Amino acid sequence: MSIVARDQGGNVVDAYSPSTSQVFTVGNTTAQSTAFGSNTTLVRVSCSLGHCHIAFGTNPTASITTSTMISNNSTSIFKVNASDKMAYIKDAAVAASTLCVTELV
C-alpha cells in the first residue's frame, strides 16, 4: 500500500515500502520467480549487465520476441496481482544479465 509523502522540495509523491527481493542470473531459457506475496500489487524490476525480457502471470513464460524488454541498467515499476510470478529470459547474443524484483507494499 502506498502512502503519500513529501520530498525535500515539498512535492507530493507516492511512497512504497520495499518488501521481499529476488535476484536472478538470467539465462537463455525462460525461468520463473517464486510467487509474490498476498499484499503485493506492485513490483520494482531492475536490470543490469544486459537487457532481458519479462512476463507476469500465474504461470508465465517469457519470450525474446513477444515479452516486455527491460533495458540494461534500468528500473521500472509494474502492476501485478498477488500470487503472480515473473518469468525472465535473455537473448543468446546478450553475454550476461541480472534481474532484481522487489515487491512493494
Protein backbone atom coordinates (compact mmCIF):
# COMPACT_ATOMS: atom_id res chain seq x y z
CA MET A 1 0.00 0.00 0.00
CA SER A 2 1.40 3.38 -0.92
CA ILE A 3 1.40 6.38 1.33
CA VAL A 4 1.54 10.00 0.31
CA ALA A 5 4.74 11.71 1.36
CA ARG A 6 6.58 14.92 0.51
CA ASP A 7 10.04 15.08 -0.99
CA GLN A 8 12.69 17.62 0.04
CA GLY A 9 11.16 20.18 -2.31
CA GLY A 10 7.72 19.79 -0.71
CA ASN A 11 6.27 17.93 -3.70
CA VAL A 12 3.72 15.20 -3.01
CA VAL A 13 4.97 11.73 -4.03
CA ASP A 14 3.76 8.16 -3.57
CA ALA A 15 5.99 6.19 -1.23
CA TYR A 16 6.15 2.40 -1.08
CA SER A 17 7.78 0.10 1.41
CA PRO A 18 10.13 -2.41 -0.18
CA SER A 19 9.46 -5.98 0.87
CA THR A 20 10.86 -9.27 -0.42
CA SER A 21 13.51 -9.10 -3.16
CA GLN A 22 14.57 -11.87 -5.53
CA VAL A 23 17.76 -11.66 -7.62
CA PHE A 24 18.26 -13.77 -10.75
CA THR A 25 21.05 -14.54 -13.18
CA VAL A 26 19.09 -14.55 -16.42
CA GLY A 27 19.66 -17.42 -18.84
CA ASN A 28 18.76 -18.25 -22.44
CA THR A 29 15.69 -20.26 -21.42
CA THR A 30 12.65 -18.90 -19.62
CA ALA A 31 12.57 -19.29 -15.84
CA GLN A 32 10.21 -18.04 -13.10
CA SER A 33 10.40 -16.23 -9.80
CA THR A 34 8.58 -17.54 -6.77
CA ALA A 35 5.03 -16.24 -6.28
CA PHE A 36 4.62 -12.70 -4.98
CA GLY A 37 3.11 -12.16 -1.55
CA SER A 38 -0.60 -11.76 -0.82
CA ASN A 39 -0.26 -7.98 -0.24
CA THR A 40 1.81 -7.26 -3.35
CA THR A 41 0.25 -5.17 -6.11
CA LEU A 42 3.41 -3.52 -7.49
CA VAL A 43 6.94 -4.74 -8.14
CA ARG A 44 10.15 -2.85 -8.90
CA VAL A 45 12.30 -4.58 -11.53
CA SER A 46 15.95 -3.62 -12.04
CA CYS A 47 18.20 -4.96 -14.77
CA SER A 48 21.99 -4.89 -15.02
CA LEU A 49 24.75 -6.28 -17.28
CA GLY A 50 22.49 -6.75 -20.33
CA HIS A 51 18.87 -6.33 -21.43
CA CYS A 52 16.34 -9.12 -20.90
CA HIS A 53 12.62 -9.84 -21.34
CA ILE A 54 9.95 -10.41 -18.68
CA ALA A 55 6.35 -11.55 -18.37
CA PHE A 56 3.93 -11.74 -15.42
CA GLY A 57 1.12 -14.15 -14.57
CA THR A 58 0.20 -17.26 -12.61
CA ASN A 59 2.42 -19.46 -14.81
CA PRO A 60 4.20 -17.03 -17.17
CA THR A 61 6.62 -17.81 -19.97
CA ALA A 62 9.00 -15.07 -21.14
CA SER A 63 9.90 -14.76 -24.82
CA ILE A 64 12.59 -12.69 -26.51
CA THR A 65 10.15 -11.85 -29.33
CA THR A 66 6.88 -11.09 -27.51
CA SER A 67 7.65 -10.19 -23.87
CA THR A 68 8.41 -6.77 -22.37
CA MET A 69 12.07 -5.83 -22.72
CA ILE A 70 13.92 -4.38 -19.75
CA SER A 71 16.88 -2.27 -20.85
CA ASN A 72 20.32 -2.68 -19.34
CA ASN A 73 20.89 -0.53 -16.23
CA SER A 74 17.22 0.41 -15.89
CA THR A 75 14.48 0.16 -13.28
CA SER A 76 10.71 0.00 -13.85
CA ILE A 77 7.65 -0.48 -11.65
CA PHE A 78 4.90 -2.87 -12.77
CA LYS A 79 1.38 -3.57 -11.51
CA VAL A 80 0.91 -7.25 -10.65
CA ASN A 81 -1.60 -9.46 -8.90
CA ALA A 82 -0.91 -11.12 -5.57
CA SER A 83 0.50 -14.64 -6.12
CA ASP A 84 1.67 -13.80 -9.66
CA LYS A 85 5.15 -14.78 -10.77
CA MET A 86 7.64 -13.12 -13.10
CA ALA A 87 9.24 -15.06 -15.94
CA TYR A 88 12.51 -13.88 -17.46
CA ILE A 89 14.85 -14.69 -20.35
CA LYS A 90 17.78 -13.13 -22.22
CA ASP A 91 18.72 -13.31 -25.87
CA ALA A 92 21.65 -15.61 -26.65
CA ALA A 93 23.51 -12.57 -28.06
CA VAL A 94 23.48 -10.93 -24.60
CA ALA A 95 26.57 -12.06 -22.68
CA ALA A 96 25.05 -11.72 -19.20
CA SER A 97 22.01 -10.24 -17.46
CA THR A 98 20.94 -9.91 -13.84
CA LEU A 99 17.45 -9.02 -12.60
CA CYS A 100 16.24 -7.93 -9.19
CA VAL A 101 12.49 -7.92 -8.50
CA THR A 102 11.34 -6.23 -5.28
CA GLU A 103 7.77 -6.44 -4.00
CA LEU A 104 6.33 -3.05 -3.00
CA VAL A 105 3.72 -2.91 -0.26
